[in-house]
């Protein structure tokens, strides 16, 4: 249901590694996710259907962390019974959970889950005139927003350098190439270090409203956010209240691309970008994954 689930769980995984624990992933996904797990331990299978296989693997474990919008209550009950400590990631109180720790890493908390590369980030120098925009709509861009946003930028802001993140699940790369100009740079399947470099190079971001907003805030990139899923509304609202993002609207709203154009025009203002950047940096200190793991390890 989105690569953001994997990246936020990667932050937990890496914090366990730092504490010299022995984590591994069980992922309901396809071959496109393998590139995210270099050097990590993992199994890929449909654990929502192959429940017996899942239970056999986790029985007697010290801890199981579950991040799913699809798992039914019986899976949670069985996991709670089979492990010493169960942890449920939840953004919107989806179900009533059995015994365990419920973790909401949404914006505004001290528990924003970031990958290791984002734990330490240099301070940002805001340019007087913005020169570079990063466009990022997740690992698969299921709404096909990248090419359409890029088309707005190449027509209306031809002098800007456009860094376009291409995820492993993208299916419309030819449309993106068709919307590109001489100042478009396509970033194919960047790892965490690569996406961090691109964010630090960018003066403005146009992004979906999920996990990436936490990474952009940590890097202090003033951001135009677009909701591409219902479950992003709480996250977006939190970042709006923090003063970090400008919200353009839902991906399917009339006038969405006109609003993106209008906000980009506003972001030429140096003081506004400085204010947005500082708000993002204040909101995320990069220690969320470590705080979570330190809390979860108590009593084990």
C-alpha atoms as a PDB file:
ATOM      1  CA  UNK A   1       0.000   0.000   0.000  1.00  0.00           C
ATOM      2  CA  UNK A   2       2.953   2.358  -0.547  1.00  0.00           C
ATOM      3  CA  UNK A   3       6.706   2.418  -0.256  1.00  0.00           C
ATOM      4  CA  UNK A   4       6.467   4.808   2.716  1.00  0.00           C
ATOM      5  CA  UNK A   5       5.570   1.843   4.910  1.00  0.00           C
ATOM      6  CA  UNK A   6       8.898   0.263   4.017  1.00  0.00           C
ATOM      7  CA  UNK A   7      10.967   3.410   4.541  1.00  0.00           C
ATOM      8  CA  UNK A   8       9.520   4.153   7.970  1.00  0.00           C
ATOM      9  CA  UNK A   9       9.989   0.543   9.040  1.00  0.00           C
ATOM     10  CA  UNK A  10      13.548   0.781   7.713  1.00  0.00           C
ATOM     11  CA  UNK A  11      14.158   3.499  10.297  1.00  0.00           C
ATOM     12  CA  UNK A  12      13.065   1.127  13.060  1.00  0.00           C
ATOM     13  CA  UNK A  13      15.131  -1.714  11.571  1.00  0.00           C
ATOM     14  CA  UNK A  14      18.269   0.435  11.474  1.00  0.00           C
ATOM     15  CA  UNK A  15      17.756   1.681  15.015  1.00  0.00           C
ATOM     16  CA  UNK A  16      17.543  -1.961  16.182  1.00  0.00           C
ATOM     17  CA  UNK A  17      20.762  -2.653  14.265  1.00  0.00           C
ATOM     18  CA  UNK A  18      22.438   0.261  16.021  1.00  0.00           C
ATOM     19  CA  UNK A  19      21.432  -1.302  19.352  1.00  0.00           C
ATOM     20  CA  UNK A  20      23.043  -4.576  18.179  1.00  0.00           C
ATOM     21  CA  UNK A  21      19.770  -6.438  17.853  1.00  0.00           C
ATOM     22  CA  UNK A  22      18.957  -8.807  15.003  1.00  0.00           C
ATOM     23  CA  UNK A  23      15.945  -7.547  13.000  1.00  0.00           C
ATOM     24  CA  UNK A  24      14.512  -8.831   9.741  1.00  0.00           C
ATOM     25  CA  UNK A  25      11.670  -7.866   7.420  1.00  0.00           C
ATOM     26  CA  UNK A  26       8.668  -9.900   6.327  1.00  0.00           C
ATOM     27  CA  UNK A  27       7.205  -8.012   3.375  1.00  0.00           C
ATOM     28  CA  UNK A  28       4.028  -8.489   1.372  1.00  0.00           C
ATOM     29  CA  UNK A  29       5.366  -7.103  -1.901  1.00  0.00           C
ATOM     30  CA  UNK A  30       6.731  -7.870  -5.345  1.00  0.00           C
ATOM     31  CA  UNK A  31      10.197  -7.796  -6.898  1.00  0.00           C
ATOM     32  CA  UNK A  32      10.189  -3.981  -7.061  1.00  0.00           C
ATOM     33  CA  UNK A  33      10.886  -3.730  -3.327  1.00  0.00           C
ATOM     34  CA  UNK A  34      14.087  -5.756  -3.300  1.00  0.00           C
ATOM     35  CA  UNK A  35      16.286  -2.763  -4.078  1.00  0.00           C
ATOM     36  CA  UNK A  36      15.363  -1.217  -0.740  1.00  0.00           C
ATOM     37  CA  UNK A  37      16.829  -4.094   1.253  1.00  0.00           C
ATOM     38  CA  UNK A  38      20.503  -4.127   0.288  1.00  0.00           C
ATOM     39  CA  UNK A  39      22.460  -5.524   3.219  1.00  0.00           C
ATOM     40  CA  UNK A  40      19.270  -6.268   5.154  1.00  0.00           C
ATOM     41  CA  UNK A  41      17.641  -9.553   6.129  1.00  0.00           C
ATOM     42  CA  UNK A  42      14.191 -10.097   4.661  1.00  0.00           C
ATOM     43  CA  UNK A  43      11.565 -12.482   3.346  1.00  0.00           C
ATOM     44  CA  UNK A  44       8.995 -11.530   0.689  1.00  0.00           C
ATOM     45  CA  UNK A  45       5.669 -13.346   0.618  1.00  0.00           C
ATOM     46  CA  UNK A  46       1.973 -12.573   1.048  1.00  0.00           C
ATOM     47  CA  UNK A  47       1.758 -12.897   4.812  1.00  0.00           C
ATOM     48  CA  UNK A  48      -1.873 -11.751   4.782  1.00  0.00           C
ATOM     49  CA  UNK A  49      -2.784 -15.006   3.017  1.00  0.00           C
ATOM     50  CA  UNK A  50       0.060 -17.300   4.094  1.00  0.00           C
ATOM     51  CA  UNK A  51      -0.713 -16.854   7.764  1.00  0.00           C
ATOM     52  CA  UNK A  52       0.509 -20.266   8.850  1.00  0.00           C
ATOM     53  CA  UNK A  53       3.929 -19.532   7.366  1.00  0.00           C
ATOM     54  CA  UNK A  54       3.965 -16.146   9.095  1.00  0.00           C
ATOM     55  CA  UNK A  55       3.069 -17.576  12.501  1.00  0.00           C
ATOM     56  CA  UNK A  56       5.713 -20.285  12.235  1.00  0.00           C
ATOM     57  CA  UNK A  57       8.420 -17.661  11.600  1.00  0.00           C
ATOM     58  CA  UNK A  58       7.456 -15.286  14.405  1.00  0.00           C
ATOM     59  CA  UNK A  59       6.535 -17.798  17.111  1.00  0.00           C
ATOM     60  CA  UNK A  60       8.714 -17.224  20.162  1.00  0.00           C
ATOM     61  CA  UNK A  61      10.168 -13.947  18.865  1.00  0.00           C
ATOM     62  CA  UNK A  62      11.051 -11.127  21.224  1.00  0.00           C
ATOM     63  CA  UNK A  63       9.129  -8.521  19.250  1.00  0.00           C
ATOM     64  CA  UNK A  64       6.996  -8.115  16.130  1.00  0.00           C
ATOM     65  CA  UNK A  65       6.293  -4.714  14.553  1.00  0.00           C
ATOM     66  CA  UNK A  66       3.304  -4.656  12.176  1.00  0.00           C
ATOM     67  CA  UNK A  67       2.669  -1.896   9.635  1.00  0.00           C
ATOM     68  CA  UNK A  68      -0.429  -2.646   7.566  1.00  0.00           C
ATOM     69  CA  UNK A  69      -3.662  -1.039   6.385  1.00  0.00           C
ATOM     70  CA  UNK A  70      -5.058  -4.431   5.353  1.00  0.00           C
ATOM     71  CA  UNK A  71      -4.424  -6.979   8.119  1.00  0.00           C
ATOM     72  CA  UNK A  72      -7.577  -8.286   9.808  1.00  0.00           C
ATOM     73  CA  UNK A  73      -8.050  -8.382  13.612  1.00  0.00           C
ATOM     74  CA  UNK A  74      -7.404 -12.139  13.820  1.00  0.00           C
ATOM     75  CA  UNK A  75      -3.845 -11.644  12.532  1.00  0.00           C
ATOM     76  CA  UNK A  76      -3.142  -9.071  15.215  1.00  0.00           C
ATOM     77  CA  UNK A  77      -4.559 -11.318  17.921  1.00  0.00           C
ATOM     78  CA  UNK A  78      -2.412 -14.250  16.862  1.00  0.00           C
ATOM     79  CA  UNK A  79       0.734 -12.139  16.585  1.00  0.00           C
ATOM     80  CA  UNK A  80       0.109 -10.717  20.055  1.00  0.00           C
ATOM     81  CA  UNK A  81      -0.112 -14.268  21.380  1.00  0.00           C
ATOM     82  CA  UNK A  82       3.016 -15.528  19.601  1.00  0.00           C
ATOM     83  CA  UNK A  83       5.550 -12.825  20.506  1.00  0.00           C
ATOM     84  CA  UNK A  84       6.813 -11.326  23.753  1.00  0.00           C
ATOM     85  CA  UNK A  85       6.010  -7.767  22.655  1.00  0.00           C
ATOM     86  CA  UNK A  86       3.759  -6.681  19.783  1.00  0.00           C
ATOM     87  CA  UNK A  87       3.919  -3.225  18.184  1.00  0.00           C
ATOM     88  CA  UNK A  88       1.199  -1.840  15.910  1.00  0.00           C
ATOM     89  CA  UNK A  89       1.901   1.110  13.591  1.00  0.00           C
ATOM     90  CA  UNK A  90      -1.289   3.079  13.097  1.00  0.00           C
ATOM     91  CA  UNK A  91      -2.052   6.488  11.560  1.00  0.00           C
ATOM     92  CA  UNK A  92      -5.791   6.793  12.156  1.00  0.00           C
ATOM     93  CA  UNK A  93      -7.023   4.289  14.815  1.00  0.00           C
ATOM     94  CA  UNK A  94      -7.940   1.786  12.133  1.00  0.00           C
ATOM     95  CA  UNK A  95      -9.048  -1.010  14.510  1.00  0.00           C
ATOM     96  CA  UNK A  96      -9.168  -1.841  18.206  1.00  0.00           C
ATOM     97  CA  UNK A  97      -5.846  -3.573  18.787  1.00  0.00           C
ATOM     98  CA  UNK A  98      -5.051  -6.470  21.126  1.00  0.00           C
ATOM     99  CA  UNK A  99      -2.292  -6.238  23.739  1.00  0.00           C
ATOM    100  CA  UNK A 100       0.757  -4.381  22.480  1.00  0.00           C
ATOM    101  CA  UNK A 101       2.220  -0.942  21.846  1.00  0.00           C
ATOM    102  CA  UNK A 102       0.399   1.334  19.400  1.00  0.00           C
ATOM    103  CA  UNK A 103       2.798   3.663  17.612  1.00  0.00           C
ATOM    104  CA  UNK A 104       1.641   6.762  15.751  1.00  0.00           C
ATOM    105  CA  UNK A 105       4.652   8.444  14.154  1.00  0.00           C
ATOM    106  CA  UNK A 106       2.614  11.237  12.591  1.00  0.00           C
ATOM    107  CA  UNK A 107       3.949  14.752  12.422  1.00  0.00           C
ATOM    108  CA  UNK A 108       3.937  16.655  15.717  1.00  0.00           C
ATOM    109  CA  UNK A 109       5.087  13.691  17.777  1.00  0.00           C
ATOM    110  CA  UNK A 110       8.646  12.936  18.867  1.00  0.00           C
ATOM    111  CA  UNK A 111       8.491   9.666  16.973  1.00  0.00           C
ATOM    112  CA  UNK A 112       8.791  10.584  13.282  1.00  0.00           C
ATOM    113  CA  UNK A 113      10.458   7.493  11.818  1.00  0.00           C
ATOM    114  CA  UNK A 114      13.388   8.290   9.528  1.00  0.00           C
ATOM    115  CA  UNK A 115      16.037   6.158   7.862  1.00  0.00           C
ATOM    116  CA  UNK A 116      19.611   6.290   9.166  1.00  0.00           C
ATOM    117  CA  UNK A 117      20.758   8.735   6.474  1.00  0.00           C
ATOM    118  CA  UNK A 118      18.369  11.362   7.836  1.00  0.00           C
ATOM    119  CA  UNK A 119      19.435  11.105  11.459  1.00  0.00           C
ATOM    120  CA  UNK A 120      22.165  13.682  10.845  1.00  0.00           C
ATOM    121  CA  UNK A 121      21.625  16.443   8.297  1.00  0.00           C
ATOM    122  CA  UNK A 122      23.699  19.610   7.759  1.00  0.00           C
ATOM    123  CA  UNK A 123      22.158  23.029   8.190  1.00  0.00           C
ATOM    124  CA  UNK A 124      20.617  24.522   5.068  1.00  0.00           C
ATOM    125  CA  UNK A 125      21.556  27.789   3.434  1.00  0.00           C
ATOM    126  CA  UNK A 126      18.528  29.371   1.772  1.00  0.00           C
ATOM    127  CA  UNK A 127      19.300  30.864  -1.626  1.00  0.00           C
ATOM    128  CA  UNK A 128      18.005  34.320  -2.442  1.00  0.00           C
ATOM    129  CA  UNK A 129      16.606  33.011  -5.725  1.00  0.00           C
ATOM    130  CA  UNK A 130      15.373  29.392  -5.985  1.00  0.00           C
ATOM    131  CA  UNK A 131      17.069  27.412  -8.735  1.00  0.00           C
ATOM    132  CA  UNK A 132      16.105  23.768  -8.171  1.00  0.00           C
ATOM    133  CA  UNK A 133      12.847  21.879  -7.508  1.00  0.00           C
ATOM    134  CA  UNK A 134      12.588  18.224  -6.526  1.00  0.00           C
ATOM    135  CA  UNK A 135       9.440  16.314  -7.568  1.00  0.00           C
ATOM    136  CA  UNK A 136       8.697  13.164  -5.577  1.00  0.00           C
ATOM    137  CA  UNK A 137       5.477  11.144  -5.567  1.00  0.00           C
ATOM    138  CA  UNK A 138       6.508   7.966  -3.809  1.00  0.00           C
ATOM    139  CA  UNK A 139       7.819   4.643  -4.986  1.00  0.00           C
ATOM    140  CA  UNK A 140       5.151   3.970  -7.607  1.00  0.00           C
ATOM    141  CA  UNK A 141       3.288   7.260  -8.283  1.00  0.00           C
ATOM    142  CA  UNK A 142       0.024   5.362  -8.531  1.00  0.00           C
ATOM    143  CA  UNK A 143      -1.856   8.565  -9.474  1.00  0.00           C
ATOM    144  CA  UNK A 144       0.451   9.477 -12.363  1.00  0.00           C
ATOM    145  CA  UNK A 145       1.176  12.908 -10.899  1.00  0.00           C
ATOM    146  CA  UNK A 146       4.873  13.172 -11.741  1.00  0.00           C
ATOM    147  CA  UNK A 147       4.539  13.733 -15.485  1.00  0.00           C
ATOM    148  CA  UNK A 148       1.685  16.215 -15.077  1.00  0.00           C
ATOM    149  CA  UNK A 149       3.482  18.278 -12.432  1.00  0.00           C
ATOM    150  CA  UNK A 150       6.661  18.206 -14.503  1.00  0.00           C
ATOM    151  CA  UNK A 151       4.690  19.454 -17.498  1.00  0.00           C
ATOM    152  CA  UNK A 152       3.565  22.503 -15.473  1.00  0.00           C
ATOM    153  CA  UNK A 153       7.145  23.256 -14.473  1.00  0.00           C
ATOM    154  CA  UNK A 154       8.675  22.906 -17.919  1.00  0.00           C
ATOM    155  CA  UNK A 155       6.037  25.236 -19.395  1.00  0.00           C
ATOM    156  CA  UNK A 156       5.802  27.817 -16.625  1.00  0.00           C
ATOM    157  CA  UNK A 157       9.225  27.652 -14.911  1.00  0.00           C
ATOM    158  CA  UNK A 158      11.675  26.667 -17.665  1.00  0.00           C
ATOM    159  CA  UNK A 159      14.686  28.181 -15.879  1.00  0.00           C
ATOM    160  CA  UNK A 160      14.315  25.949 -12.831  1.00  0.00           C
ATOM    161  CA  UNK A 161      16.323  22.737 -12.595  1.00  0.00           C
ATOM    162  CA  UNK A 162      13.837  19.895 -12.057  1.00  0.00           C
ATOM    163  CA  UNK A 163      15.068  16.831 -10.149  1.00  0.00           C
ATOM    164  CA  UNK A 164      12.484  14.086 -10.686  1.00  0.00           C
ATOM    165  CA  UNK A 165      12.507  11.024  -8.424  1.00  0.00           C
ATOM    166  CA  UNK A 166      11.655   7.818 -10.304  1.00  0.00           C
ATOM    167  CA  UNK A 167      10.652   4.967  -7.988  1.00  0.00           C
ATOM    168  CA  UNK A 168      11.023   1.273  -8.726  1.00  0.00           C
ATOM    169  CA  UNK A 169       7.267   0.852  -9.051  1.00  0.00           C
ATOM    170  CA  UNK A 170       6.766   3.555 -11.704  1.00  0.00           C
ATOM    171  CA  UNK A 171       4.768   2.529 -14.781  1.00  0.00           C
ATOM    172  CA  UNK A 172       4.638   5.834 -16.702  1.00  0.00           C
ATOM    173  CA  UNK A 173       8.285   6.677 -17.267  1.00  0.00           C
ATOM    174  CA  UNK A 174       7.746   7.416 -20.976  1.00  0.00           C
ATOM    175  CA  UNK A 175       5.233  10.131 -20.077  1.00  0.00           C
ATOM    176  CA  UNK A 176       7.776  11.647 -17.691  1.00  0.00           C
ATOM    177  CA  UNK A 177      10.462  11.618 -20.367  1.00  0.00           C
ATOM    178  CA  UNK A 178       8.021  13.281 -22.741  1.00  0.00           C
ATOM    179  CA  UNK A 179       7.395  16.115 -20.288  1.00  0.00           C
ATOM    180  CA  UNK A 180      11.112  16.680 -19.635  1.00  0.00           C
ATOM    181  CA  UNK A 181      13.242  19.536 -20.961  1.00  0.00           C
ATOM    182  CA  UNK A 182      16.963  20.304 -20.993  1.00  0.00           C
ATOM    183  CA  UNK A 183      16.816  21.308 -17.327  1.00  0.00           C
ATOM    184  CA  UNK A 184      15.193  18.066 -16.146  1.00  0.00           C
ATOM    185  CA  UNK A 185      17.225  15.454 -14.278  1.00  0.00           C
ATOM    186  CA  UNK A 186      15.621  12.030 -13.817  1.00  0.00           C
ATOM    187  CA  UNK A 187      16.792  10.255 -10.652  1.00  0.00           C
ATOM    188  CA  UNK A 188      16.239   6.546 -11.141  1.00  0.00           C
ATOM    189  CA  UNK A 189      15.650   4.455  -8.016  1.00  0.00           C
ATOM    190  CA  UNK A 190      17.720   6.552  -5.596  1.00  0.00           C
ATOM    191  CA  UNK A 191      18.690   4.963  -2.298  1.00  0.00           C
ATOM    192  CA  UNK A 192      18.345   6.878   0.978  1.00  0.00           C
ATOM    193  CA  UNK A 193      21.709   8.617   0.515  1.00  0.00           C
ATOM    194  CA  UNK A 194      20.773   9.606  -3.033  1.00  0.00           C
ATOM    195  CA  UNK A 195      17.384  11.031  -2.103  1.00  0.00           C
ATOM    196  CA  UNK A 196      18.964  12.936   0.778  1.00  0.00           C
ATOM    197  CA  UNK A 197      21.523  14.528  -1.574  1.00  0.00           C
ATOM    198  CA  UNK A 198      18.754  15.526  -3.980  1.00  0.00           C
ATOM    199  CA  UNK A 199      16.718  17.068  -1.167  1.00  0.00           C
ATOM    200  CA  UNK A 200      19.693  19.035   0.099  1.00  0.00           C
ATOM    201  CA  UNK A 201      20.344  20.320  -3.440  1.00  0.00           C
ATOM    202  CA  UNK A 202      16.742  21.431  -3.932  1.00  0.00           C
ATOM    203  CA  UNK A 203      15.328  24.817  -2.962  1.00  0.00           C
ATOM    204  CA  UNK A 204      11.674  23.698  -3.190  1.00  0.00           C
ATOM    205  CA  UNK A 205       9.900  20.334  -3.210  1.00  0.00           C
ATOM    206  CA  UNK A 206       6.622  19.143  -4.691  1.00  0.00           C
ATOM    207  CA  UNK A 207       5.658  15.955  -2.888  1.00  0.00           C
ATOM    208  CA  UNK A 208       2.943  13.498  -2.022  1.00  0.00           C
ATOM    209  CA  UNK A 209       1.651  13.782   1.522  1.00  0.00           C
ATOM    210  CA  UNK A 210       3.114  10.661   3.096  1.00  0.00           C
ATOM    211  CA  UNK A 211       6.362   9.553   4.705  1.00  0.00           C
ATOM    212  CA  UNK A 212       8.518  11.706   2.413  1.00  0.00           C
ATOM    213  CA  UNK A 213       7.310  14.866   4.153  1.00  0.00           C
ATOM    214  CA  UNK A 214       9.248  13.859   7.264  1.00  0.00           C
ATOM    215  CA  UNK A 215      12.463  13.510   5.265  1.00  0.00           C
ATOM    216  CA  UNK A 216      11.877  16.830   3.503  1.00  0.00           C
ATOM    217  CA  UNK A 217      11.217  18.549   6.827  1.00  0.00           C
ATOM    218  CA  UNK A 218      14.419  17.109   8.277  1.00  0.00           C
ATOM    219  CA  UNK A 219      16.318  18.525   5.275  1.00  0.00           C
ATOM    220  CA  UNK A 220      14.489  21.852   5.563  1.00  0.00           C
ATOM    221  CA  UNK A 221      13.086  21.864   2.003  1.00  0.00           C
ATOM    222  CA  UNK A 222      10.057  24.192   1.657  1.00  0.00           C
ATOM    223  CA  UNK A 223       7.399  21.895   0.265  1.00  0.00           C
ATOM    224  CA  UNK A 224       4.189  21.962  -1.754  1.00  0.00           C
ATOM    225  CA  UNK A 225       2.184  18.904  -0.668  1.00  0.00           C
ATOM    226  CA  UNK A 226      -0.445  17.005  -2.653  1.00  0.00           C
ATOM    227  CA  UNK A 227      -2.675  14.371  -1.035  1.00  0.00           C
ATOM    228  CA  UNK A 228      -2.683  11.211  -3.128  1.00  0.00           C
ATOM    229  CA  UNK A 229      -4.480   8.971  -0.582  1.00  0.00           C
ATOM    230  CA  UNK A 230      -7.130   9.378   2.100  1.00  0.00           C
ATOM    231  CA  UNK A 231      -4.799   8.226   4.851  1.00  0.00           C
ATOM    232  CA  UNK A 232      -2.461  11.179   4.220  1.00  0.00           C
ATOM    233  CA  UNK A 233      -4.931  13.780   5.484  1.00  0.00           C
ATOM    234  CA  UNK A 234      -3.877  13.652   9.145  1.00  0.00           C
ATOM    235  CA  UNK A 235      -0.199  13.820   8.225  1.00  0.00           C
ATOM    236  CA  UNK A 236      -0.767  16.793   5.925  1.00  0.00           C
ATOM    237  CA  UNK A 237      -2.863  18.622   8.505  1.00  0.00           C
ATOM    238  CA  UNK A 238      -0.081  18.252  11.060  1.00  0.00           C
ATOM    239  CA  UNK A 239       2.543  19.657   8.707  1.00  0.00           C
ATOM    240  CA  UNK A 240       0.237  22.567   7.836  1.00  0.00           C
ATOM    241  CA  UNK A 241      -0.163  23.434  11.509  1.00  0.00           C
ATOM    242  CA  UNK A 242       3.602  23.278  11.953  1.00  0.00           C
ATOM    243  CA  UNK A 243       3.978  25.867   9.209  1.00  0.00           C
ATOM    244  CA  UNK A 244       6.182  23.651   7.067  1.00  0.00           C
ATOM    245  CA  UNK A 245       4.130  22.900   3.949  1.00  0.00           C
ATOM    246  CA  UNK A 246       1.837  24.715   1.576  1.00  0.00           C
ATOM    247  CA  UNK A 247      -1.023  22.390   0.720  1.00  0.00           C
ATOM    248  CA  UNK A 248      -2.139  22.377  -2.926  1.00  0.00           C
ATOM    249  CA  UNK A 249      -5.029  19.926  -2.451  1.00  0.00           C
ATOM    250  CA  UNK A 250      -6.019  16.410  -3.467  1.00  0.00           C
ATOM    251  CA  UNK A 251      -4.546  14.933  -6.604  1.00  0.00           C
ATOM    252  CA  UNK A 252      -7.962  14.694  -8.317  1.00  0.00           C
ATOM    253  CA  UNK A 253      -9.335  18.134  -7.408  1.00  0.00           C
ATOM    254  CA  UNK A 254     -10.192  20.646 -10.115  1.00  0.00           C
ATOM    255  CA  UNK A 255      -7.545  23.335 -10.309  1.00  0.00           C
ATOM    256  CA  UNK A 256      -4.831  21.350  -8.519  1.00  0.00           C
ATOM    257  CA  UNK A 257      -2.142  22.193 -11.101  1.00  0.00           C
ATOM    258  CA  UNK A 258      -3.086  25.859 -11.111  1.00  0.00           C
ATOM    259  CA  UNK A 259      -2.623  25.931  -7.333  1.00  0.00           C
ATOM    260  CA  UNK A 260       0.763  24.230  -7.633  1.00  0.00           C
ATOM    261  CA  UNK A 261       1.751  26.913 -10.145  1.00  0.00           C
ATOM    262  CA  UNK A 262       0.500  29.681  -7.850  1.00  0.00           C
ATOM    263  CA  UNK A 263       2.319  28.362  -4.772  1.00  0.00           C
ATOM    264  CA  UNK A 264       5.538  27.952  -6.728  1.00  0.00           C
ATOM    265  CA  UNK A 265       5.249  31.628  -7.606  1.00  0.00           C
ATOM    266  CA  UNK A 266       4.897  32.478  -3.906  1.00  0.00           C
ATOM    267  CA  UNK A 267       7.967  30.401  -3.092  1.00  0.00           C
ATOM    268  CA  UNK A 268      10.198  32.795  -4.998  1.00  0.00           C
ATOM    269  CA  UNK A 269       9.987  34.871  -1.784  1.00  0.00           C
ATOM    270  CA  UNK A 270      13.180  34.352   0.247  1.00  0.00           C
ATOM    271  CA  UNK A 271      11.589  35.123   3.626  1.00  0.00           C
ATOM    272  CA  UNK A 272       8.728  32.673   3.073  1.00  0.00           C
ATOM    273  CA  UNK A 273      11.091  29.848   2.098  1.00  0.00           C
ATOM    274  CA  UNK A 274      13.288  30.614   5.108  1.00  0.00           C
ATOM    275  CA  UNK A 275      10.279  30.447   7.408  1.00  0.00           C
ATOM    276  CA  UNK A 276       9.095  27.134   5.923  1.00  0.00           C
ATOM    277  CA  UNK A 277      12.562  25.611   6.094  1.00  0.00           C
ATOM    278  CA  UNK A 278      13.041  26.536   9.735  1.00  0.00           C
ATOM    279  CA  UNK A 279       9.590  25.189  10.624  1.00  0.00           C
ATOM    280  CA  UNK A 280      10.475  21.819   9.106  1.00  0.00           C
ATOM    281  CA  UNK A 281      13.812  21.605  10.883  1.00  0.00           C
ATOM    282  CA  UNK A 282      12.210  22.503  14.221  1.00  0.00           C
ATOM    283  CA  UNK A 283       9.608  19.786  13.808  1.00  0.00           C
ATOM    284  CA  UNK A 284      11.950  16.836  13.177  1.00  0.00           C
ATOM    285  CA  UNK A 285      15.219  16.322  15.021  1.00  0.00           C
ATOM    286  CA  UNK A 286      16.085  12.986  13.397  1.00  0.00           C
ATOM    287  CA  UNK A 287      15.996  10.980  16.625  1.00  0.00           C
ATOM    288  CA  UNK A 288      12.493   9.518  16.288  1.00  0.00           C
ATOM    289  CA  UNK A 289      13.526   6.005  15.223  1.00  0.00           C
ATOM    290  CA  UNK A 290      16.001   5.748  18.089  1.00  0.00           C
ATOM    291  CA  UNK A 291      13.441   6.993  20.621  1.00  0.00           C
ATOM    292  CA  UNK A 292      10.963   4.382  19.450  1.00  0.00           C
ATOM    293  CA  UNK A 293      13.447   1.522  19.682  1.00  0.00           C
ATOM    294  CA  UNK A 294      14.765   2.607  23.080  1.00  0.00           C
ATOM    295  CA  UNK A 295      11.195   2.617  24.368  1.00  0.00           C
ATOM    296  CA  UNK A 296      10.354  -0.752  22.820  1.00  0.00           C
ATOM    297  CA  UNK A 297      13.417  -2.438  24.270  1.00  0.00           C
ATOM    298  CA  UNK A 298      12.421  -1.643  27.828  1.00  0.00           C
ATOM    299  CA  UNK A 299      11.697  -4.800  29.760  1.00  0.00           C
ATOM    300  CA  UNK A 300      13.152  -7.168  27.147  1.00  0.00           C
END
